[in-house]
C-alpha atoms as a PDB file:
ATOM      1  CA  MET A   1     -15.126  10.892 -25.505  1.00  0.00           C
ATOM      2  CA  ARG A   2     -17.546  11.568 -22.801  1.00  0.00           C
ATOM      3  CA  THR A   3     -16.009   9.482 -20.451  1.00  0.00           C
ATOM      4  CA  LYS A   4     -12.659  10.915 -20.942  1.00  0.00           C
ATOM      5  CA  LEU A   5     -13.806  14.457 -20.203  1.00  0.00           C
ATOM      6  CA  TYR A   6     -15.494  13.226 -16.862  1.00  0.00           C
ATOM      7  CA  LEU A   7     -12.644  11.469 -15.347  1.00  0.00           C
ATOM      8  CA  LEU A   8     -10.393  14.952 -16.335  1.00  0.00           C
ATOM      9  CA  VAL A   9     -13.171  16.707 -14.676  1.00  0.00           C
ATOM     10  CA  ILE A  10     -12.805  14.131 -11.419  1.00  0.00           C
ATOM     11  CA  ILE A  11      -9.415  14.577 -11.491  1.00  0.00           C
ATOM     12  CA  GLY A  12      -9.327  18.491 -11.945  1.00  0.00           C
ATOM     13  CA  LEU A  13     -11.806  18.612  -8.699  1.00  0.00           C
ATOM     14  CA  ALA A  14      -9.642  16.066  -6.821  1.00  0.00           C
ATOM     15  CA  LEU A  15      -6.420  18.401  -7.144  1.00  0.00           C
ATOM     16  CA  ILE A  16      -8.568  21.688  -6.436  1.00  0.00           C
ATOM     17  CA  ASN A  17      -9.747  20.136  -3.068  1.00  0.00           C
ATOM     18  CA  ILE A  18      -6.260  18.606  -2.277  1.00  0.00           C
ATOM     19  CA  HIS A  19      -4.980  22.127  -3.109  1.00  0.00           C
ATOM     20  CA  ALA A  20      -7.289  23.562  -0.476  1.00  0.00           C
ATOM     21  CA  MET A  21      -6.426  20.942   2.227  1.00  0.00           C
ATOM     22  CA  ALA A  22      -3.184  21.207   2.490  1.00  0.00           C
ATOM     23  CA  GLN A  23      -1.344  23.814   4.658  1.00  0.00           C
ATOM     24  CA  LYS A  24       1.971  24.465   2.333  1.00  0.00           C
ATOM     25  CA  VAL A  25       1.758  23.772  -1.284  1.00  0.00           C
ATOM     26  CA  TYR A  26       5.465  23.987  -2.951  1.00  0.00           C
ATOM     27  CA  THR A  27       7.325  23.020  -5.760  1.00  0.00           C
ATOM     28  CA  GLU A  28      10.816  21.037  -6.242  1.00  0.00           C
ATOM     29  CA  THR A  29      12.916  20.465  -8.828  1.00  0.00           C
ATOM     30  CA  SER A  30      14.971  17.243  -9.111  1.00  0.00           C
ATOM     31  CA  GLY A  31      18.066  15.324 -10.581  1.00  0.00           C
ATOM     32  CA  GLU A  32      18.870  11.861 -10.465  1.00  0.00           C
ATOM     33  CA  ILE A  33      21.605   9.261 -10.761  1.00  0.00           C
ATOM     34  CA  ILE A  34      19.765   5.880 -11.674  1.00  0.00           C
ATOM     35  CA  PHE A  35      21.654   2.530 -11.037  1.00  0.00           C
ATOM     36  CA  SER A  36      19.852  -0.139 -12.954  1.00  0.00           C
ATOM     37  CA  GLN A  37      19.729  -4.029 -13.263  1.00  0.00           C
ATOM     38  CA  SER A  38      17.563  -6.240 -15.190  1.00  0.00           C
ATOM     39  CA  GLN A  39      16.399  -9.886 -14.644  1.00  0.00           C
ATOM     40  CA  ALA A  40      15.648 -11.278 -18.145  1.00  0.00           C
ATOM     41  CA  SER A  41      15.660 -14.924 -19.555  1.00  0.00           C
ATOM     42  CA  PHE A  42      14.716 -16.749 -22.890  1.00  0.00           C
ATOM     43  CA  THR A  43      11.932 -18.254 -24.221  1.00  0.00           C
ATOM     44  CA  PRO A  44      11.797 -22.914 -23.265  1.00  0.00           C
ATOM     45  CA  GLU A  45      11.447 -22.334 -26.796  1.00  0.00           C
ATOM     46  CA  PHE A  46      14.452 -20.493 -27.845  1.00  0.00           C
ATOM     47  CA  THR A  47      17.207 -21.953 -25.876  1.00  0.00           C
ATOM     48  CA  ALA A  48      15.354 -25.862 -27.167  1.00  0.00           C
ATOM     49  CA  LYS A  49      16.187 -24.137 -31.119  1.00  0.00           C
ATOM     50  CA  TYR A  50      19.489 -23.041 -30.049  1.00  0.00           C
ATOM     51  CA  THR A  51      21.208 -24.753 -27.794  1.00  0.00           C
ATOM     52  CA  GLY A  52      24.390 -22.848 -27.636  1.00  0.00           C
ATOM     53  CA  ALA A  53      22.766 -19.566 -26.621  1.00  0.00           C
ATOM     54  CA  SER A  54      22.826 -18.022 -23.056  1.00  0.00           C
ATOM     55  CA  LEU A  55      21.814 -14.509 -21.523  1.00  0.00           C
ATOM     56  CA  SER A  56      23.503 -12.754 -18.655  1.00  0.00           C
ATOM     57  CA  SER A  57      21.243  -9.833 -17.381  1.00  0.00           C
ATOM     58  CA  ASN A  58      23.427  -8.995 -13.928  1.00  0.00           C
ATOM     59  CA  ASN A  59      25.175  -5.893 -15.295  1.00  0.00           C
ATOM     60  CA  VAL A  60      24.801  -2.669 -13.590  1.00  0.00           C
ATOM     61  CA  ARG A  61      23.561   0.074 -15.815  1.00  0.00           C
ATOM     62  CA  PHE A  62      24.821   3.818 -14.392  1.00  0.00           C
ATOM     63  CA  THR A  63      23.552   6.749 -16.131  1.00  0.00           C
ATOM     64  CA  MET A  64      23.387  10.569 -15.318  1.00  0.00           C
ATOM     65  CA  PHE A  65      22.089  12.097 -17.717  1.00  0.00           C
ATOM     66  CA  PHE A  66      18.944  13.032 -18.884  1.00  0.00           C
ATOM     67  CA  HIS A  67      17.440  12.998 -15.741  1.00  0.00           C
ATOM     68  CA  VAL A  68      14.919  15.801 -14.383  1.00  0.00           C
ATOM     69  CA  GLY A  69      12.025  16.167 -12.236  1.00  0.00           C
ATOM     70  CA  GLN A  70       9.424  18.976 -11.471  1.00  0.00           C
ATOM     71  CA  TYR A  71       7.387  17.820  -8.383  1.00  0.00           C
ATOM     72  CA  LEU A  72       4.122  19.535  -6.524  1.00  0.00           C
ATOM     73  CA  HIS A  73       4.271  18.896  -3.250  1.00  0.00           C
ATOM     74  CA  TYR A  74       1.323  19.038  -0.778  1.00  0.00           C
ATOM     75  CA  ASP A  75       2.029  18.905   2.955  1.00  0.00           C
ATOM     76  CA  PHE A  76      -1.446  18.334   5.176  1.00  0.00           C
ATOM     77  CA  SER A  77       0.331  19.048   8.323  1.00  0.00           C
ATOM     78  CA  ASN A  78       4.172  18.748   9.146  1.00  0.00           C
ATOM     79  CA  SER A  79       4.368  14.800   9.081  1.00  0.00           C
ATOM     80  CA  VAL A  80       1.418  13.947   6.343  1.00  0.00           C
ATOM     81  CA  GLY A  81       1.736  15.285   2.600  1.00  0.00           C
ATOM     82  CA  MET A  82       1.745  13.840  -0.709  1.00  0.00           C
ATOM     83  CA  PHE A  83       3.684  14.806  -4.325  1.00  0.00           C
ATOM     84  CA  THR A  84       3.085  14.622  -7.823  1.00  0.00           C
ATOM     85  CA  GLY A  85       4.509  16.056 -10.832  1.00  0.00           C
ATOM     86  CA  LEU A  86       6.702  15.435 -14.262  1.00  0.00           C
ATOM     87  CA  ALA A  87       9.688  13.879 -14.799  1.00  0.00           C
ATOM     88  CA  ILE A  88      12.417  12.603 -17.884  1.00  0.00           C
ATOM     89  CA  ARG A  89      14.593   9.498 -17.444  1.00  0.00           C
ATOM     90  CA  ASN A  90      16.775   7.566 -19.163  1.00  0.00           C
ATOM     91  CA  VAL A  91      16.074   4.137 -18.273  1.00  0.00           C
ATOM     92  CA  GLY A  92      16.974   0.560 -19.668  1.00  0.00           C
ATOM     93  CA  MET A  93      19.192  -2.825 -19.103  1.00  0.00           C
ATOM     94  CA  ILE A  94      22.441  -4.132 -20.569  1.00  0.00           C
ATOM     95  CA  THR A  95      22.522  -7.906 -21.584  1.00  0.00           C
ATOM     96  CA  ASP A  96      25.550 -10.230 -22.135  1.00  0.00           C
ATOM     97  CA  GLU A  97      24.052 -12.837 -24.904  1.00  0.00           C
ATOM     98  CA  THR A  98      25.498 -15.600 -26.952  1.00  0.00           C
ATOM     99  CA  LEU A  99      23.777 -15.241 -30.097  1.00  0.00           C
ATOM    100  CA  PRO A 100      23.322 -17.357 -33.615  1.00  0.00           C
ATOM    101  CA  GLU A 101      24.697 -15.797 -36.406  1.00  0.00           C
ATOM    102  CA  GLN A 102      22.309 -17.553 -38.565  1.00  0.00           C
ATOM    103  CA  VAL A 103      18.469 -18.561 -38.466  1.00  0.00           C
ATOM    104  CA  ALA A 104      18.483 -22.460 -38.060  1.00  0.00           C
ATOM    105  CA  GLY A 105      16.122 -24.351 -40.123  1.00  0.00           C
ATOM    106  CA  GLY A 106      18.579 -24.539 -43.189  1.00  0.00           C
ATOM    107  CA  GLU A 107      21.562 -27.216 -43.842  1.00  0.00           C
ATOM    108  CA  GLY A 108      24.827 -27.145 -42.070  1.00  0.00           C
ATOM    109  CA  SER A 109      25.219 -26.277 -38.092  1.00  0.00           C
ATOM    110  CA  VAL A 110      24.398 -22.927 -36.832  1.00  0.00           C
ATOM    111  CA  SER A 111      27.177 -20.804 -35.591  1.00  0.00           C
ATOM    112  CA  TYR A 112      27.277 -18.462 -32.386  1.00  0.00           C
ATOM    113  CA  ASN A 113      28.675 -15.329 -31.531  1.00  0.00           C
ATOM    114  CA  GLU A 114      29.057 -13.065 -28.229  1.00  0.00           C
ATOM    115  CA  PHE A 115      27.137  -9.660 -28.023  1.00  0.00           C
ATOM    116  CA  LYS A 116      27.119  -6.954 -25.357  1.00  0.00           C
ATOM    117  CA  ILE A 117      23.455  -5.208 -25.612  1.00  0.00           C
ATOM    118  CA  ILE A 118      22.639  -2.116 -24.607  1.00  0.00           C
ATOM    119  CA  ARG A 119      18.700  -0.920 -24.690  1.00  0.00           C
ATOM    120  CA  ARG A 120      17.296   2.536 -23.444  1.00  0.00           C
ATOM    121  CA  GLN A 121      14.182   4.691 -23.514  1.00  0.00           C
ATOM    122  CA  TYR A 122      13.598   7.801 -22.601  1.00  0.00           C
ATOM    123  CA  THR A 123      10.579   8.474 -20.826  1.00  0.00           C
ATOM    124  CA  ILE A 124       8.452  11.338 -19.119  1.00  0.00           C
ATOM    125  CA  GLY A 125       6.480  10.057 -16.013  1.00  0.00           C
ATOM    126  CA  LEU A 126       3.800  10.722 -13.821  1.00  0.00           C
ATOM    127  CA  PRO A 127       4.273   9.779  -9.891  1.00  0.00           C
ATOM    128  CA  LEU A 128       2.073  10.054  -7.152  1.00  0.00           C
ATOM    129  CA  ALA A 129       3.138   9.550  -3.759  1.00  0.00           C
ATOM    130  CA  LEU A 130       2.031   9.569  -0.256  1.00  0.00           C
ATOM    131  CA  LYS A 131       4.992  10.928   2.500  1.00  0.00           C
ATOM    132  CA  VAL A 132       5.530  10.772   6.142  1.00  0.00           C
ATOM    133  CA  GLY A 133       8.267  12.413   8.583  1.00  0.00           C
ATOM    134  CA  ALA A 134       9.321  15.589  10.111  1.00  0.00           C
ATOM    135  CA  PHE A 135       9.263  18.189   6.995  1.00  0.00           C
ATOM    136  CA  ASP A 136      10.330  20.935   9.445  1.00  0.00           C
ATOM    137  CA  LYS A 137      13.399  18.617   9.248  1.00  0.00           C
ATOM    138  CA  HIS A 138      13.181  17.642   5.286  1.00  0.00           C
ATOM    139  CA  LEU A 139      13.651  14.099   6.416  1.00  0.00           C
ATOM    140  CA  TYR A 140      10.930  11.772   5.884  1.00  0.00           C
ATOM    141  CA  PHE A 141       9.784   8.523   4.022  1.00  0.00           C
ATOM    142  CA  PHE A 142       7.754   8.455   0.535  1.00  0.00           C
ATOM    143  CA  GLY A 143       6.014   5.805  -1.503  1.00  0.00           C
ATOM    144  CA  GLY A 144       4.110   5.301  -4.555  1.00  0.00           C
ATOM    145  CA  ALA A 145       3.186   4.400  -8.214  1.00  0.00           C
ATOM    146  CA  GLU A 146       4.570   5.825 -11.600  1.00  0.00           C
ATOM    147  CA  GLY A 147       3.226   5.629 -15.114  1.00  0.00           C
ATOM    148  CA  GLU A 148       5.984   6.418 -17.650  1.00  0.00           C
ATOM    149  CA  MET A 149       5.344   7.093 -21.612  1.00  0.00           C
ATOM    150  CA  ALA A 150       8.663   5.895 -23.828  1.00  0.00           C
ATOM    151  CA  PHE A 151       8.929   8.399 -26.409  1.00  0.00           C
ATOM    152  CA  HIS A 152      12.953   7.698 -27.703  1.00  0.00           C
ATOM    153  CA  PHE A 153      14.470   4.000 -27.829  1.00  0.00           C
ATOM    154  CA  LYS A 154      18.110   3.232 -28.520  1.00  0.00           C
ATOM    155  CA  GLU A 155      19.527   0.155 -29.058  1.00  0.00           C
ATOM    156  CA  LYS A 156      23.195  -0.502 -29.489  1.00  0.00           C
ATOM    157  CA  TYR A 157      25.741  -3.603 -29.421  1.00  0.00           C
ATOM    158  CA  TRP A 158      29.113  -4.753 -29.706  1.00  0.00           C
ATOM    159  CA  LYS A 159      29.918  -8.192 -31.334  1.00  0.00           C
ATOM    160  CA  GLY A 160      32.440 -10.345 -30.910  1.00  0.00           C
ATOM    161  CA  ASN A 161      32.998 -10.490 -26.551  1.00  0.00           C
ATOM    162  CA  PHE A 162      31.147  -8.994 -23.934  1.00  0.00           C
ATOM    163  CA  GLU A 163      33.241  -5.765 -23.814  1.00  0.00           C
ATOM    164  CA  ARG A 164      32.422  -2.099 -25.294  1.00  0.00           C
ATOM    165  CA  SER A 165      35.264  -2.551 -27.796  1.00  0.00           C
ATOM    166  CA  GLY A 166      35.344  -3.279 -31.954  1.00  0.00           C
ATOM    167  CA  ASP A 167      32.521  -2.350 -33.915  1.00  0.00           C
ATOM    168  CA  LYS A 168      29.292  -0.762 -32.863  1.00  0.00           C
ATOM    169  CA  THR A 169      26.017  -1.142 -34.232  1.00  0.00           C
ATOM    170  CA  LYS A 170      23.695   1.550 -33.152  1.00  0.00           C
ATOM    171  CA  ASP A 171      20.130   2.148 -33.913  1.00  0.00           C
ATOM    172  CA  THR A 172      17.774   4.738 -32.336  1.00  0.00           C
ATOM    173  CA  GLU A 173      13.756   5.033 -33.228  1.00  0.00           C
ATOM    174  CA  TRP A 174      11.179   7.499 -31.857  1.00  0.00           C
ATOM    175  CA  PHE A 175       7.734   6.090 -30.492  1.00  0.00           C
ATOM    176  CA  SER A 176       9.309   2.798 -30.947  1.00  0.00           C
ATOM    177  CA  SER A 177       7.158  -0.740 -30.894  1.00  0.00           C
ATOM    178  CA  GLN A 178      10.269  -2.847 -29.450  1.00  0.00           C
ATOM    179  CA  THR A 179       9.283  -1.631 -25.664  1.00  0.00           C
ATOM    180  CA  PRO A 180       5.447  -0.669 -24.347  1.00  0.00           C
ATOM    181  CA  THR A 181       4.322   2.793 -24.390  1.00  0.00           C
ATOM    182  CA  PHE A 182       3.510   3.097 -21.157  1.00  0.00           C
ATOM    183  CA  LEU A 183       5.345   1.576 -18.098  1.00  0.00           C
ATOM    184  CA  PRO A 184       4.346   1.470 -14.711  1.00  0.00           C
ATOM    185  CA  SER A 185       6.027   0.980 -11.798  1.00  0.00           C
ATOM    186  CA  VAL A 186       6.052   1.341  -7.916  1.00  0.00           C
ATOM    187  CA  PHE A 187       8.683   3.377  -6.109  1.00  0.00           C
ATOM    188  CA  GLY A 188       9.857   4.191  -2.478  1.00  0.00           C
ATOM    189  CA  GLY A 189      12.589   6.133  -0.591  1.00  0.00           C
ATOM    190  CA  ILE A 190      13.708   8.331   2.277  1.00  0.00           C
ATOM    191  CA  GLN A 191      14.577  11.900   2.109  1.00  0.00           C
ATOM    192  CA  PHE A 192      17.297  13.138   4.134  1.00  0.00           C
ATOM    193  CA  PRO A 193      18.327  16.857   5.372  1.00  0.00           C
ATOM    194  CA  HIS A 194      19.921  19.219   2.560  1.00  0.00           C
ATOM    195  CA  GLY A 195      18.095  17.642  -0.890  1.00  0.00           C
ATOM    196  CA  LEU A 196      19.204  14.309  -0.881  1.00  0.00           C
ATOM    197  CA  ASN A 197      17.127  11.127  -1.164  1.00  0.00           C
ATOM    198  CA  VAL A 198      17.488   7.605  -1.848  1.00  0.00           C
ATOM    199  CA  ARG A 199      14.676   5.910  -3.831  1.00  0.00           C
ATOM    200  CA  PHE A 200      13.984   2.086  -5.248  1.00  0.00           C
ATOM    201  CA  LYS A 201      12.017   1.681  -8.352  1.00  0.00           C
ATOM    202  CA  TYR A 202      10.698  -1.763  -9.862  1.00  0.00           C
ATOM    203  CA  TYR A 203       8.555  -1.862 -13.254  1.00  0.00           C
ATOM    204  CA  LEU A 204       5.984  -3.690 -13.206  1.00  0.00           C
ATOM    205  CA  THR A 205       5.790  -4.991 -16.914  1.00  0.00           C
ATOM    206  CA  ASP A 206       8.653  -6.356 -19.338  1.00  0.00           C
ATOM    207  CA  PHE A 207      10.695  -3.288 -20.508  1.00  0.00           C
ATOM    208  CA  LEU A 208      11.248  -5.228 -23.988  1.00  0.00           C
ATOM    209  CA  ASP A 209       8.066  -6.034 -25.857  1.00  0.00           C
ATOM    210  CA  SER A 210       8.195  -9.842 -26.803  1.00  0.00           C
ATOM    211  CA  ASP A 211       5.646  -9.090 -29.580  1.00  0.00           C
ATOM    212  CA  PHE A 212       7.883  -6.999 -31.806  1.00  0.00           C
ATOM    213  CA  LYS A 213      10.174  -9.419 -34.239  1.00  0.00           C
ATOM    214  CA  GLY A 214      11.734  -6.711 -36.314  1.00  0.00           C
ATOM    215  CA  ASN A 215      12.595  -8.766 -39.458  1.00  0.00           C
ATOM    216  CA  GLY A 216      11.158 -12.078 -37.891  1.00  0.00           C
ATOM    217  CA  ASN A 217      13.939 -14.148 -38.181  1.00  0.00           C
ATOM    218  CA  ALA A 218      11.902 -16.611 -40.415  1.00  0.00           C
ATOM    219  CA  VAL A 219      14.160 -16.875 -43.253  1.00  0.00           C
ATOM    220  CA  ALA A 220      16.502 -19.986 -42.252  1.00  0.00           C
ATOM    221  CA  GLY A 221      20.076 -19.513 -42.719  1.00  0.00           C
ATOM    222  CA  SER A 222      19.866 -15.682 -42.690  1.00  0.00           C
ATOM    223  CA  THR A 223      21.517 -13.413 -40.542  1.00  0.00           C
ATOM    224  CA  PHE A 224      20.038 -13.773 -37.135  1.00  0.00           C
ATOM    225  CA  ASP A 225      18.384 -10.538 -36.582  1.00  0.00           C
ATOM    226  CA  ILE A 226      19.354  -8.988 -32.889  1.00  0.00           C
ATOM    227  CA  SER A 227      16.290  -6.524 -32.419  1.00  0.00           C
ATOM    228  CA  ASP A 228      14.127  -9.659 -32.695  1.00  0.00           C
ATOM    229  CA  GLN A 229      12.342  -9.554 -28.995  1.00  0.00           C
ATOM    230  CA  SER A 230      10.402 -12.466 -29.407  1.00  0.00           C
ATOM    231  CA  ARG A 231      13.387 -14.802 -28.066  1.00  0.00           C
ATOM    232  CA  TYR A 232      12.777 -13.200 -24.092  1.00  0.00           C
ATOM    233  CA  GLU A 233      10.312 -15.024 -21.700  1.00  0.00           C
ATOM    234  CA  LYS A 234      11.163 -11.663 -19.076  1.00  0.00           C
ATOM    235  CA  SER A 235      12.880  -8.776 -19.300  1.00  0.00           C
ATOM    236  CA  ASN A 236      11.923  -6.776 -15.868  1.00  0.00           C
ATOM    237  CA  ILE A 237      14.118  -3.959 -14.918  1.00  0.00           C
ATOM    238  CA  PHE A 238      14.648  -2.053 -11.570  1.00  0.00           C
ATOM    239  CA  TYR A 239      16.758   0.710 -10.239  1.00  0.00           C
ATOM    240  CA  VAL A 240      18.523   2.493  -6.803  1.00  0.00           C
ATOM    241  CA  SER A 241      19.088   6.005  -7.392  1.00  0.00           C
ATOM    242  CA  LEU A 242      20.476   9.078  -5.483  1.00  0.00           C
ATOM    243  CA  CYS A 243      18.803  12.293  -6.315  1.00  0.00           C
ATOM    244  CA  TRP A 244      19.306  15.920  -5.270  1.00  0.00           C
ATOM    245  CA  GLN A 245      16.355  18.599  -5.176  1.00  0.00           C
ATOM    246  CA  PHE A 246      15.918  21.797  -4.028  1.00  0.00           C
ATOM    247  CA  ASN A 247      12.744  24.253  -3.533  1.00  0.00           C
ATOM    248  CA  THR A 248      12.130  25.735  -6.647  1.00  0.00           C
ATOM    249  CA  GLY A 249      10.862  28.972  -4.772  1.00  0.00           C
ATOM    250  CA  ASP A 250      13.503  29.463  -2.538  1.00  0.00           C
ATOM    251  CA  MET A 251      15.814  29.323  -5.277  1.00  0.00           C
ATOM    252  CA  MET A 252      13.971  31.862  -7.218  1.00  0.00           C
ATOM    253  CA  SER A 253      13.773  34.082  -4.237  1.00  0.00           C
ATOM    254  CA  GLY A 254      17.689  33.899  -3.673  1.00  0.00           C
ATOM    255  CA  LYS A 255      16.941  32.156  -0.318  1.00  0.00           C
END
């Protein structure tokens, strides 16, 4: 408990010092359009057991809702500064998978079917970034790291094809264990005049938690559980986004 208290005090003092050093401090509100993709694969054990299984993860996931951020900027000069803040995002991945319909191990052969699977998490993130450029012209480069806490998970899939057609199965869960609760990432980008910026973000851990087994797919001959994440060897996600932001103080003052 004392360690956590000391850490909070240190962070608080550091922010006070940064605030005192900064020539200009201001807030900005931001929105984001995200184009994400994943790098996913099955484990060798899974593909050896289910030889007809396959996975394609090169689908681009496009999202506009719900992404909002509030950022606090510290400009130490006209060319060097930093920012932090809070942001809520909808991040996830799309896979096309050929999967068994039954758990192997019993008598008879295993049949396969095609599934389009979409999984997403709503996260709240705390970024910390350095920025360098010409702030009076609203043109600069930035880069940093962010820690995000996942708080609402959704999984939906269509069976029988790789299209979003036919019967859909959907499940949602607050603070789900299907993904890690903490999702660290690194990011970088460029801010253009008139509020538009482009950024790239890469998540440093797998998006799906391979320790999550759902019903476990332990009973031979039973229906295969799509939510069993132990079949994934990796499930990294990354994205490119278009962001727009405006100075909160200017908006409130009518500038």
